[in-house]
Amino acid sequence: VSSTLLAIGLGVGIGASSILSRLLGSGKREQVQQLTTHALVLGALLGLIVMLVGLSTIDIVFRSLGADERTLPMIREYMEVFYFGGFLLILPMVGNFAIRAVGDARRAALILAMSALLNIVLDPILIFGWAGFPALELRGAAIATVIANGLTVVASVYILYARENLVRARFLLPANMIESWRRLLHVGIPAVVSNLLTPLSIWFVTALVSSFGATAVAGFGVATRIEALMMVVVFSVTASMGPFSGQNYGAGRIDRIQEFGSISDRFCIVYGFACALLFWFTGRELGAAFSQEPEVIETASAYLLIVPVTIGGFAVMLNAVAAFNALGRPLPATLLTFMKLFLVYLPLAFLFSRYIGVMGVFAANAVSHVIFGIVGYVWLRRVLVKLSNEFEIATPTQLDATPALAGNRANTDFEV
């Protein structure tokens, strides 16, 4: 359920970031204000829909996920509060993506960090009843989450309104709102689908690994947690690709997108090799820090020996996905994710696991990283070359007549 809600929030946020960054790059300030305001309204509306649907389907959804008469009361205790703060579930992500779209990554990160710290502080107070508060247990955990989300909303809207001057009450009227939502969802819906594909693939891979025993699952879990720490740096680099590409596309600076993409790709490949080298020498020790069972350590070290060396390829694909979304081309972004997972990774994982065992599952992951790193790189470069040629053909008179346009082409507007 959390993955589904996260996918919705990320999808709308990516759609907002794509359009806002392009409009900012082309200097259309009033349209940026309108789109930002409408994006926040859409996030709040989707959150309210989630609240109404969620509250009315708790039993149906969680029974289908395996809940029974013992666990359902505990689930209701948490989810009734969690869903009641529904409009605070998607809105924070939309606001945070909008801040990133204007290039203010520092404040966006600070808001998320403050929200996480508030949750960490409130959880034990409300769960266990510290500092004179009643012990609310699971309900207290949900209340802490809703309060932390609320802080994110307030901080995001304040920055967008007071500092960036991007939220204005005059755009709250229905005029043009539906058109803005259509534009947002043009990128947002494919992004939602892409983000839902990953949890499905994880479920399938975990099921494959579980066929080799509980210790294999435990080792796989240990390795992927270590890998998640490694991926923080990769995600931070690839996350910057979206707003950077969108703003420069709006300004007609395709050359800068190509340059930044190449720098990001090279950095991630070198970083991936450096982490892989570290894991080759310390994989067993890292596994032993989580478990003393030899089979768990063996599985974790095998994963760390095979997969991290290809993380650079995965990062190159993520850069391409982020750039395609920023350019207003969500179909290539979704196709890259779908083809990697369902046409290569999962079929190969199933096939290799039959002949090589659990190592085959890991090898399939590595192979898919390399293949779609190459596919993503080639696909994006071809699109960027085509766009660069189109800009040159579309505005030769403007570029010759106006020196300022030759510098940044800020008035070039391309319909995507």
Protein backbone atom coordinates (compact mmCIF):
# COMPACT_ATOMS: atom_id res chain seq x y z
CA VAL A 1 0.00 0.00 0.00
CA SER A 2 2.81 2.38 0.87
CA SER A 3 4.60 1.59 -2.40
CA THR A 4 1.41 2.36 -4.36
CA LEU A 5 0.90 5.71 -2.63
CA LEU A 6 4.57 6.54 -3.06
CA ALA A 7 4.33 5.73 -6.77
CA ILE A 8 1.36 8.10 -7.17
CA GLY A 9 3.15 10.91 -5.34
CA LEU A 10 6.37 10.41 -7.27
CA GLY A 11 4.48 10.29 -10.57
CA VAL A 12 2.71 13.61 -10.03
CA GLY A 13 5.90 15.12 -8.62
CA ILE A 14 7.94 14.03 -11.65
CA GLY A 15 5.25 15.45 -13.96
CA ALA A 16 5.36 18.78 -12.10
CA SER A 17 9.17 18.89 -12.12
CA SER A 18 9.28 18.14 -15.86
CA ILE A 19 6.94 20.93 -16.91
CA LEU A 20 8.09 23.51 -14.35
CA SER A 21 11.77 23.12 -15.17
CA ARG A 22 11.08 23.53 -18.91
CA LEU A 23 8.95 26.61 -18.34
CA LEU A 24 11.57 28.12 -16.04
CA GLY A 25 14.23 27.54 -18.67
CA SER A 26 12.13 29.34 -21.28
CA GLY A 27 11.49 32.28 -18.95
CA LYS A 28 7.69 31.88 -18.71
CA ARG A 29 7.31 32.97 -15.11
CA GLU A 30 3.53 33.38 -15.02
CA GLN A 31 2.97 29.92 -16.49
CA VAL A 32 5.34 28.53 -13.85
CA GLN A 33 3.23 30.15 -11.11
CA GLN A 34 0.04 28.76 -12.62
CA LEU A 35 1.42 25.21 -13.04
CA THR A 36 2.90 25.16 -9.53
CA THR A 37 -0.40 26.25 -7.98
CA HIS A 38 -2.39 23.73 -10.04
CA ALA A 39 0.09 20.93 -9.25
CA LEU A 40 -0.39 21.48 -5.51
CA VAL A 41 -4.16 21.48 -5.93
CA LEU A 42 -3.92 18.22 -7.88
CA GLY A 43 -1.75 16.68 -5.15
CA ALA A 44 -4.28 17.66 -2.48
CA LEU A 45 -7.19 16.36 -4.57
CA LEU A 46 -5.51 13.00 -5.21
CA GLY A 47 -4.74 12.79 -1.50
CA LEU A 48 -8.41 13.30 -0.62
CA ILE A 49 -9.39 10.60 -3.12
CA VAL A 50 -6.86 8.26 -1.49
CA MET A 51 -8.39 9.09 1.91
CA LEU A 52 -11.96 8.31 0.84
CA VAL A 53 -11.07 5.14 -1.09
CA GLY A 54 -8.61 3.97 1.55
CA LEU A 55 -10.91 4.38 4.53
CA SER A 56 -13.70 2.49 2.77
CA THR A 57 -11.52 -0.43 1.61
CA ILE A 58 -9.21 -1.20 4.55
CA ASP A 59 -10.69 -4.63 5.23
CA ILE A 60 -11.00 -5.60 1.55
CA VAL A 61 -7.45 -4.57 0.63
CA PHE A 62 -5.67 -6.00 3.65
CA ARG A 63 -7.59 -9.27 3.66
CA SER A 64 -6.45 -9.72 0.07
CA LEU A 65 -2.90 -9.14 1.31
CA GLY A 66 -3.20 -11.88 3.91
CA ALA A 67 -4.53 -10.10 7.01
CA ASP A 68 -6.64 -12.16 9.41
CA GLU A 69 -8.91 -11.51 12.38
CA ARG A 70 -5.90 -11.14 14.66
CA THR A 71 -4.03 -8.57 12.56
CA LEU A 72 -6.94 -6.60 11.06
CA PRO A 73 -7.72 -4.65 14.27
CA MET A 74 -4.06 -3.56 14.46
CA ILE A 75 -4.07 -2.62 10.78
CA ARG A 76 -7.21 -0.52 11.23
CA GLU A 77 -5.63 1.19 14.25
CA TYR A 78 -2.80 2.45 12.04
CA MET A 79 -4.48 2.89 8.65
CA GLU A 80 -7.53 4.83 9.85
CA VAL A 81 -5.24 7.65 11.00
CA PHE A 82 -2.82 7.23 8.09
CA TYR A 83 -5.61 7.50 5.51
CA PHE A 84 -7.38 10.30 7.38
CA GLY A 85 -4.32 12.43 6.69
CA GLY A 86 -4.66 11.41 3.03
CA PHE A 87 -4.24 14.86 1.51
CA LEU A 88 -0.87 15.00 3.33
CA LEU A 89 0.40 11.83 1.62
CA ILE A 90 0.87 12.99 -1.97
CA LEU A 91 1.03 16.76 -1.53
CA PRO A 92 4.45 16.74 0.24
CA MET A 93 6.11 14.94 -2.68
CA VAL A 94 4.57 17.30 -5.24
CA GLY A 95 5.74 20.34 -3.26
CA ASN A 96 9.23 18.93 -2.82
CA PHE A 97 9.60 18.13 -6.53
CA ALA A 98 8.45 21.67 -7.39
CA ILE A 99 11.19 23.12 -5.17
CA ARG A 100 13.76 20.88 -6.85
CA ALA A 101 12.48 21.97 -10.28
CA VAL A 102 13.55 25.57 -9.56
CA GLY A 103 17.02 24.30 -8.65
CA ASP A 104 16.74 24.64 -4.86
CA ALA A 105 17.81 21.09 -3.99
CA ARG A 106 19.30 22.17 -0.65
CA ARG A 107 16.02 23.40 0.83
CA ALA A 108 14.13 20.42 -0.61
CA ALA A 109 16.56 18.07 1.14
CA LEU A 110 16.41 20.09 4.37
CA ILE A 111 12.62 19.83 4.47
CA LEU A 112 12.73 16.04 4.06
CA ALA A 113 15.44 15.74 6.72
CA MET A 114 13.40 17.85 9.17
CA SER A 115 10.32 15.72 8.48
CA ALA A 116 12.26 12.51 9.12
CA LEU A 117 13.79 13.85 12.34
CA LEU A 118 10.37 14.98 13.59
CA ASN A 119 9.01 11.50 12.89
CA ILE A 120 11.94 9.94 14.78
CA VAL A 121 11.28 12.19 17.78
CA LEU A 122 7.50 11.79 17.83
CA ASP A 123 7.40 8.01 17.29
CA PRO A 124 8.61 6.88 20.73
CA ILE A 125 6.71 9.69 22.45
CA LEU A 126 3.37 8.75 20.90
CA ILE A 127 3.92 4.97 20.66
CA PHE A 128 5.22 4.37 24.18
CA GLY A 129 3.71 7.38 25.98
CA TRP A 130 6.86 9.26 26.87
CA ALA A 131 6.91 12.82 28.34
CA GLY A 132 3.45 12.43 29.86
CA PHE A 133 1.70 11.57 26.60
CA PRO A 134 -0.67 8.57 26.49
CA ALA A 135 0.76 5.37 24.96
CA LEU A 136 -1.05 5.22 21.61
CA GLU A 137 1.00 2.32 20.17
CA LEU A 138 0.27 1.77 16.44
CA ARG A 139 -2.10 4.72 16.29
CA GLY A 140 0.67 6.89 17.74
CA ALA A 141 3.02 5.80 14.94
CA ALA A 142 0.42 6.85 12.37
CA ILE A 143 -0.15 10.21 14.08
CA ALA A 144 3.61 10.87 14.05
CA THR A 145 3.74 10.18 10.31
CA VAL A 146 0.79 12.46 9.56
CA ILE A 147 2.30 15.30 11.63
CA ALA A 148 5.67 14.92 9.88
CA ASN A 149 3.94 14.97 6.48
CA GLY A 150 2.05 18.07 7.55
CA LEU A 151 5.32 19.83 8.37
CA THR A 152 6.62 18.97 4.89
CA VAL A 153 3.51 20.43 3.28
CA VAL A 154 3.64 23.67 5.29
CA ALA A 155 7.36 24.16 4.67
CA SER A 156 7.12 23.35 0.93
CA VAL A 157 4.16 25.64 0.30
CA TYR A 158 5.77 28.44 2.33
CA ILE A 159 9.00 28.26 0.30
CA LEU A 160 7.10 28.10 -3.01
CA TYR A 161 4.86 31.02 -1.96
CA ALA A 162 7.14 33.35 0.00
CA ARG A 163 10.62 32.68 -1.34
CA GLU A 164 10.13 31.46 -4.91
CA ASN A 165 6.94 33.46 -5.60
CA LEU A 166 5.44 30.47 -7.44
CA VAL A 167 2.11 29.93 -5.65
CA ARG A 168 -0.58 32.56 -6.24
CA ALA A 169 -4.21 32.59 -5.12
CA ARG A 170 -5.45 34.05 -8.41
CA PHE A 171 -4.67 30.74 -10.13
CA LEU A 172 -6.95 28.78 -7.78
CA LEU A 173 -9.92 29.56 -10.03
CA PRO A 174 -11.04 26.61 -12.24
CA ALA A 175 -9.94 28.37 -15.43
CA ASN A 176 -7.12 26.46 -17.13
CA MET A 177 -6.81 24.04 -14.19
CA ILE A 178 -7.99 21.00 -16.16
CA GLU A 179 -5.52 21.77 -18.95
CA SER A 180 -2.71 22.09 -16.38
CA TRP A 181 -3.67 18.73 -14.87
CA ARG A 182 -3.69 17.14 -18.31
CA ARG A 183 -0.16 18.37 -18.92
CA LEU A 184 0.99 17.20 -15.49
CA LEU A 185 -0.51 13.74 -15.91
CA HIS A 186 0.92 13.37 -19.43
CA VAL A 187 4.26 12.73 -17.71
CA GLY A 188 2.86 11.76 -14.32
CA ILE A 189 0.79 8.70 -15.27
CA PRO A 190 3.65 6.88 -17.07
CA ALA A 191 5.90 7.78 -14.12
CA VAL A 192 3.36 6.23 -11.72
CA VAL A 193 3.34 3.05 -13.83
CA SER A 194 7.15 2.95 -13.87
CA ASN A 195 7.32 3.29 -10.10
CA LEU A 196 4.79 0.50 -9.63
CA LEU A 197 6.81 -1.90 -11.79
CA THR A 198 9.73 -2.05 -9.35
CA PRO A 199 7.76 -3.40 -6.34
CA LEU A 200 6.23 -6.06 -8.62
CA SER A 201 9.65 -7.15 -9.82
CA ILE A 202 11.02 -7.23 -6.26
CA TRP A 203 8.14 -9.49 -5.24
CA PHE A 204 8.92 -11.88 -8.11
CA VAL A 205 12.67 -11.94 -7.45
CA THR A 206 12.15 -12.48 -3.72
CA ALA A 207 9.88 -15.40 -4.54
CA LEU A 208 12.61 -16.86 -6.78
CA VAL A 209 15.26 -16.45 -4.11
CA SER A 210 12.97 -18.00 -1.48
CA SER A 211 12.91 -21.23 -3.48
CA PHE A 212 16.53 -21.70 -2.34
CA GLY A 213 15.63 -21.47 1.35
CA ALA A 214 15.20 -18.95 4.15
CA THR A 215 18.95 -18.36 4.47
CA ALA A 216 19.10 -17.32 0.80
CA VAL A 217 16.35 -14.77 1.40
CA ALA A 218 18.17 -13.49 4.49
CA GLY A 219 21.45 -13.18 2.57
CA PHE A 220 19.68 -11.44 -0.31
CA GLY A 221 18.10 -9.02 2.18
CA VAL A 222 21.46 -8.26 3.80
CA ALA A 223 23.11 -7.59 0.43
CA THR A 224 20.34 -5.34 -0.88
CA ARG A 225 20.45 -3.27 2.33
CA ILE A 226 24.18 -2.74 1.88
CA GLU A 227 23.55 -1.93 -1.78
CA ALA A 228 20.87 0.60 -0.76
CA LEU A 229 23.49 2.59 1.16
CA MET A 230 25.71 2.54 -1.92
CA MET A 231 22.82 3.73 -4.11
CA VAL A 232 22.24 6.91 -2.08
CA VAL A 233 25.04 8.63 -4.00
CA VAL A 234 23.81 7.29 -7.35
CA PHE A 235 20.25 8.46 -6.71
CA SER A 236 21.46 11.90 -5.65
CA VAL A 237 23.31 12.29 -8.96
CA THR A 238 20.54 10.93 -11.18
CA ALA A 239 17.89 12.99 -9.33
CA SER A 240 19.63 16.18 -10.46
CA MET A 241 19.38 15.09 -14.10
CA GLY A 242 15.65 15.89 -14.28
CA PRO A 243 15.48 19.60 -13.31
CA PHE A 244 18.81 20.30 -15.01
CA SER A 245 17.62 18.77 -18.28
CA GLY A 246 14.23 20.45 -18.13
CA GLN A 247 15.58 23.94 -17.50
CA ASN A 248 18.21 23.68 -20.23
CA TYR A 249 15.72 22.20 -22.68
CA GLY A 250 13.43 25.16 -22.02
CA ALA A 251 16.38 27.46 -22.74
CA GLY A 252 17.31 25.54 -25.89
CA ARG A 253 20.68 24.42 -24.45
CA ILE A 254 20.71 20.80 -25.58
CA ASP A 255 24.51 20.89 -25.52
CA ARG A 256 24.47 21.39 -21.75
CA ILE A 257 22.15 18.39 -21.28
CA GLN A 258 24.58 16.27 -23.30
CA GLU A 259 27.56 17.55 -21.31
CA PHE A 260 25.93 17.09 -17.91
CA GLY A 261 24.67 13.62 -18.88
CA SER A 262 28.18 12.55 -19.86
CA ILE A 263 29.65 13.87 -16.59
CA SER A 264 26.96 12.12 -14.54
CA ASP A 265 27.39 8.84 -16.43
CA ARG A 266 31.16 8.83 -16.00
CA PHE A 267 30.95 9.66 -12.31
CA CYS A 268 28.43 6.88 -11.61
CA ILE A 269 30.46 4.29 -13.54
CA VAL A 270 33.67 5.15 -11.67
CA TYR A 271 31.80 5.24 -8.36
CA GLY A 272 30.23 1.85 -9.08
CA PHE A 273 33.63 0.28 -9.80
CA ALA A 274 35.08 1.83 -6.63
CA CYS A 275 32.26 0.41 -4.49
CA ALA A 276 32.56 -2.98 -6.20
CA LEU A 277 36.28 -3.06 -5.44
CA LEU A 278 35.53 -2.31 -1.79
CA PHE A 279 32.89 -5.06 -1.64
CA TRP A 280 35.19 -7.61 -3.29
CA PHE A 281 37.58 -7.28 -0.34
CA THR A 282 35.04 -6.71 2.46
CA GLY A 283 31.89 -8.53 1.28
CA ARG A 284 32.14 -11.40 3.76
CA GLU A 285 32.90 -9.06 6.66
CA LEU A 286 29.95 -6.84 5.78
CA GLY A 287 27.68 -9.88 5.60
CA ALA A 288 28.98 -11.12 8.95
CA ALA A 289 28.02 -7.78 10.53
CA PHE A 290 24.35 -8.72 9.91
CA SER A 291 24.38 -12.48 10.50
CA GLN A 292 26.66 -15.24 11.77
CA GLU A 293 25.06 -17.96 9.62
CA PRO A 294 27.58 -19.13 6.98
CA GLU A 295 24.94 -19.53 4.24
CA VAL A 296 23.61 -16.02 4.82
CA ILE A 297 27.13 -14.59 4.64
CA GLU A 298 27.89 -16.63 1.53
CA THR A 299 24.77 -15.42 -0.29
CA ALA A 300 25.32 -11.79 0.68
CA SER A 301 28.98 -11.82 -0.39
CA ALA A 302 28.05 -13.50 -3.70
CA TYR A 303 25.56 -10.73 -4.48
CA LEU A 304 28.10 -8.04 -3.55
CA LEU A 305 30.67 -9.73 -5.79
CA ILE A 306 28.41 -9.79 -8.87
CA VAL A 307 25.94 -6.89 -8.90
CA PRO A 308 27.65 -3.67 -7.64
CA VAL A 309 30.25 -3.67 -10.44
CA THR A 310 27.38 -3.08 -12.91
CA ILE A 311 25.63 -0.36 -10.89
CA GLY A 312 27.17 2.22 -13.21
CA GLY A 313 25.10 0.80 -16.07
CA PHE A 314 21.95 1.03 -13.98
CA ALA A 315 22.79 4.66 -13.14
CA VAL A 316 23.24 5.51 -16.84
CA MET A 317 19.76 4.13 -17.47
CA LEU A 318 18.35 6.15 -14.54
CA ASN A 319 19.94 9.29 -16.00
CA ALA A 320 18.23 8.56 -19.31
CA VAL A 321 14.87 7.95 -17.61
CA ALA A 322 15.13 11.24 -15.68
CA ALA A 323 16.12 13.15 -18.81
CA PHE A 324 13.30 11.67 -20.91
CA ASN A 325 10.73 12.65 -18.25
CA ALA A 326 12.21 16.15 -18.04
CA LEU A 327 12.03 16.50 -21.83
CA GLY A 328 8.33 15.66 -21.73
CA ARG A 329 8.87 12.22 -23.29
CA PRO A 330 7.50 9.80 -20.69
CA LEU A 331 7.04 6.87 -23.08
CA PRO A 332 10.78 6.11 -23.56
CA ALA A 333 11.27 6.44 -19.78
CA THR A 334 8.50 3.93 -19.05
CA LEU A 335 9.60 1.57 -21.84
CA LEU A 336 13.17 1.49 -20.53
CA THR A 337 11.97 0.48 -17.07
CA PHE A 338 9.44 -2.04 -18.39
CA MET A 339 11.81 -3.70 -20.87
CA LYS A 340 14.64 -3.93 -18.36
CA LEU A 341 12.48 -5.59 -15.72
CA PHE A 342 10.03 -7.71 -17.67
CA LEU A 343 11.81 -8.51 -20.92
CA VAL A 344 15.33 -9.10 -19.61
CA TYR A 345 15.84 -9.18 -15.83
CA LEU A 346 12.93 -11.35 -14.67
CA PRO A 347 13.03 -13.86 -17.57
CA LEU A 348 16.81 -14.23 -17.22
CA ALA A 349 16.51 -14.53 -13.43
CA PHE A 350 14.00 -17.36 -13.84
CA LEU A 351 16.13 -19.10 -16.49
CA PHE A 352 19.51 -18.66 -14.80
CA SER A 353 18.14 -19.73 -11.41
CA ARG A 354 17.27 -23.11 -12.91
CA TYR A 355 20.83 -23.73 -14.09
CA ILE A 356 23.10 -21.72 -11.75
CA GLY A 357 20.99 -21.45 -8.61
CA VAL A 358 20.63 -18.27 -6.60
CA MET A 359 23.80 -16.87 -8.23
CA GLY A 360 21.84 -16.93 -11.49
CA VAL A 361 19.31 -14.46 -10.08
CA PHE A 362 22.13 -12.08 -9.19
CA ALA A 363 23.82 -12.56 -12.57
CA ALA A 364 20.55 -11.71 -14.36
CA ASN A 365 20.39 -8.44 -12.43
CA ALA A 366 23.95 -7.57 -13.43
CA VAL A 367 23.36 -8.43 -17.10
CA SER A 368 20.20 -6.30 -17.25
CA HIS A 369 22.08 -3.35 -15.70
CA VAL A 370 24.73 -3.46 -18.42
CA ILE A 371 22.35 -4.01 -21.34
CA PHE A 372 19.99 -1.18 -20.42
CA GLY A 373 22.76 1.17 -19.44
CA ILE A 374 23.89 0.89 -23.08
CA VAL A 375 20.32 1.08 -24.45
CA GLY A 376 19.47 4.11 -22.31
CA TYR A 377 22.68 5.92 -23.26
CA VAL A 378 22.27 5.36 -27.02
CA TRP A 379 18.54 6.16 -27.00
CA LEU A 380 18.95 9.42 -25.08
CA ARG A 381 21.90 10.59 -27.19
CA ARG A 382 19.95 10.02 -30.41
CA VAL A 383 16.99 12.01 -29.07
CA LEU A 384 19.26 14.84 -27.90
CA VAL A 385 21.01 15.03 -31.29
CA LYS A 386 17.62 15.16 -33.01
CA LEU A 387 16.39 17.90 -30.66
CA SER A 388 19.58 19.88 -31.16
CA ASN A 389 19.13 19.74 -34.93
CA GLU A 390 15.47 20.77 -34.60
CA PHE A 391 16.39 23.80 -32.51
CA GLU A 392 18.98 24.86 -35.05
CA ILE A 393 16.47 24.53 -37.89
CA ALA A 394 13.59 26.14 -36.00
CA THR A 395 15.25 29.38 -34.95
CA PRO A 396 18.09 30.39 -37.32
CA THR A 397 16.68 33.90 -37.89
CA GLN A 398 16.16 34.55 -34.20
CA LEU A 399 19.64 33.32 -33.36
CA ASP A 400 21.28 35.53 -36.00
CA ALA A 401 19.22 38.62 -35.18
CA THR A 402 19.42 38.51 -31.39
CA PRO A 403 22.77 37.90 -29.65
CA ALA A 404 21.02 37.08 -26.38
CA LEU A 405 19.18 34.23 -28.05
CA ALA A 406 22.44 32.88 -29.41
CA GLY A 407 23.61 32.60 -25.81
CA ASN A 408 20.71 30.78 -24.22
CA ARG A 409 17.79 30.65 -26.69
CA ALA A 410 15.51 31.37 -23.76
CA ASN A 411 12.59 32.36 -25.99
CA THR A 412 12.62 29.13 -27.98
CA ASP A 413 9.40 27.23 -27.23
CA PHE A 414 9.05 23.66 -28.37
CA GLU A 415 5.77 21.80 -28.15
CA VAL A 416 6.47 18.27 -26.94
